[in-house]
Amino acid sequence: MAKNRPSDSAGPGQRQLRVGELIRRTLSDVLNRGDIHDPDLNRMSITVGEVRMSNDLKVATIYVLPLFGQGKEEVVGLLARNKGELRRVVSKSLTLKFAPDLRFRLDETFDRMDDTRRLFEQEDVRRDLDD
């Protein structure tokens, strides 16, 4: 029995990070060029913030946000509706054993950064930090 299994590590492995970044770049390029045959999707500017891969590289969770945050729920639905075509594009550009299943989620990183910024602007927090 192996003692050092990759699943025992605290974070994603190097291969997961590399494949996730390749998928992120590919999807960003495809969405930027408007290669998908959906006029509703092509009229939107979408930012692909991050792609997290499962341990077996069969599931890619893609965090997206529309430009200026308008139509957040709509963008996830549009991407899910075109998941098959996007999956085909990703599988053509990457040489993986399996084409990963794409799951789209809203990227809430910017919202959390705004909350953190607001927290640091509070008078009592600034007072505690200055001490």
Protein backbone atom coordinates (compact mmCIF):
# COMPACT_ATOMS: atom_id res chain seq x y z
CA MET A 1 0.00 0.00 0.00
CA ALA A 2 1.40 3.39 -0.95
CA LYS A 3 1.85 5.91 1.83
CA ASN A 4 2.12 9.06 -0.28
CA ARG A 5 -0.99 9.10 -2.39
CA PRO A 6 -1.76 12.25 -4.42
CA SER A 7 -5.25 12.45 -2.86
CA ASP A 8 -3.66 12.97 0.57
CA SER A 9 -2.27 16.38 -0.39
CA ALA A 10 -3.87 19.58 0.87
CA GLY A 11 -4.36 21.27 -2.49
CA PRO A 12 -4.64 20.52 -6.18
CA GLY A 13 -1.78 18.75 -7.90
CA GLN A 14 0.46 20.23 -10.57
CA ARG A 15 -1.36 18.40 -13.36
CA GLN A 16 -4.76 19.63 -12.13
CA LEU A 17 -3.50 23.22 -12.08
CA ARG A 18 -1.92 22.93 -15.53
CA VAL A 19 -4.99 21.36 -17.17
CA GLY A 20 -7.29 23.86 -15.45
CA GLU A 21 -5.26 26.78 -16.78
CA LEU A 22 -5.25 25.34 -20.31
CA ILE A 23 -9.03 24.96 -20.20
CA ARG A 24 -9.40 28.50 -18.84
CA ARG A 25 -7.31 29.95 -21.68
CA THR A 26 -9.12 27.90 -24.30
CA LEU A 27 -12.58 28.92 -23.07
CA SER A 28 -11.52 32.57 -22.76
CA ASP A 29 -10.32 32.57 -26.37
CA VAL A 30 -13.44 30.82 -27.67
CA LEU A 31 -15.81 33.15 -25.83
CA ASN A 32 -13.80 36.22 -26.84
CA ARG A 33 -13.86 35.27 -30.53
CA GLY A 34 -17.54 34.30 -30.44
CA ASP A 35 -16.97 30.83 -31.94
CA ILE A 36 -20.08 29.38 -30.28
CA HIS A 37 -23.20 29.30 -32.44
CA ASP A 38 -25.45 31.05 -29.91
CA PRO A 39 -26.20 34.74 -30.54
CA ASP A 40 -27.30 35.25 -26.91
CA LEU A 41 -23.95 34.00 -25.66
CA ASN A 42 -21.92 35.87 -28.29
CA ARG A 43 -23.41 39.24 -27.34
CA MET A 44 -22.05 38.94 -23.79
CA SER A 45 -18.52 39.64 -22.57
CA ILE A 46 -17.61 36.86 -20.16
CA THR A 47 -14.59 36.58 -17.90
CA VAL A 48 -13.35 33.10 -17.09
CA GLY A 49 -11.70 33.62 -13.72
CA GLU A 50 -10.68 30.14 -12.69
CA VAL A 51 -11.06 26.47 -13.59
CA ARG A 52 -10.81 23.83 -10.88
CA MET A 53 -10.26 20.25 -11.92
CA SER A 54 -11.31 17.13 -10.05
CA ASN A 55 -8.59 14.68 -8.99
CA ASP A 56 -9.27 12.39 -11.94
CA LEU A 57 -9.49 15.34 -14.43
CA LYS A 58 -12.98 14.27 -15.50
CA VAL A 59 -14.85 17.29 -14.08
CA ALA A 60 -13.93 20.93 -14.65
CA THR A 61 -15.69 23.53 -12.50
CA ILE A 62 -15.47 26.84 -14.34
CA TYR A 63 -15.95 30.13 -12.51
CA VAL A 64 -17.29 32.86 -14.80
CA LEU A 65 -18.50 36.42 -14.47
CA PRO A 66 -20.08 38.65 -17.11
CA LEU A 67 -18.56 42.05 -17.71
CA PHE A 68 -19.79 44.59 -15.12
CA GLY A 69 -21.63 41.75 -13.35
CA GLN A 70 -24.84 42.27 -15.35
CA GLY A 71 -26.84 39.14 -16.14
CA LYS A 72 -25.02 36.81 -13.75
CA GLU A 73 -27.68 34.11 -13.63
CA GLU A 74 -28.29 34.37 -17.37
CA VAL A 75 -24.65 33.75 -18.26
CA VAL A 76 -24.46 30.50 -16.27
CA GLY A 77 -27.62 29.26 -17.99
CA LEU A 78 -26.33 30.19 -21.44
CA LEU A 79 -23.02 28.45 -20.86
CA ALA A 80 -24.76 25.35 -19.51
CA ARG A 81 -27.03 25.33 -22.56
CA ASN A 82 -23.94 25.33 -24.84
CA LYS A 83 -21.94 22.93 -22.69
CA GLY A 84 -21.72 20.26 -25.39
CA GLU A 85 -20.23 22.58 -27.98
CA LEU A 86 -17.82 24.09 -25.45
CA ARG A 87 -16.77 20.61 -24.33
CA ARG A 88 -16.06 19.65 -27.95
CA VAL A 89 -13.89 22.74 -28.43
CA VAL A 90 -11.95 22.01 -25.24
CA SER A 91 -11.41 18.35 -26.14
CA LYS A 92 -10.10 19.29 -29.61
CA SER A 93 -7.53 21.70 -28.20
CA LEU A 94 -6.29 19.45 -25.37
CA THR A 95 -4.88 15.97 -25.59
CA LEU A 96 -6.55 14.34 -22.62
CA LYS A 97 -7.75 10.77 -22.27
CA PHE A 98 -11.25 12.04 -21.41
CA ALA A 99 -13.02 15.26 -22.30
CA PRO A 100 -13.91 16.73 -18.91
CA ASP A 101 -17.49 17.47 -17.97
CA LEU A 102 -17.88 21.25 -17.74
CA ARG A 103 -19.76 22.77 -14.80
CA PHE A 104 -20.27 26.51 -14.68
CA ARG A 105 -20.48 28.57 -11.49
CA LEU A 106 -20.55 32.28 -10.77
CA ASP A 107 -17.21 33.73 -9.74
CA GLU A 108 -17.79 35.50 -6.44
CA THR A 109 -14.15 36.43 -5.85
CA PHE A 110 -14.70 40.09 -6.67
CA ASP A 111 -17.68 40.29 -4.31
CA ARG A 112 -15.57 38.84 -1.51
CA MET A 113 -12.78 41.32 -2.25
CA ASP A 114 -15.26 44.20 -2.01
CA ASP A 115 -16.54 42.86 1.32
CA THR A 116 -12.99 42.59 2.63
CA ARG A 117 -12.18 46.11 1.47
CA ARG A 118 -15.30 47.43 3.23
CA LEU A 119 -14.30 45.56 6.36
CA PHE A 120 -10.85 47.17 6.40
CA GLU A 121 -12.41 50.62 5.98
CA GLN A 122 -14.42 50.34 9.19
CA GLU A 123 -13.16 52.61 11.94
CA ASP A 124 -12.89 49.95 14.66
CA VAL A 125 -10.99 47.59 12.35
CA ARG A 126 -8.55 50.33 11.32
CA ARG A 127 -8.03 51.18 14.99
CA ASP A 128 -7.23 47.52 15.77
CA LEU A 129 -4.81 47.31 12.87
CA ASP A 130 -2.96 50.46 13.93
CA ASP A 131 -2.32 49.09 17.43
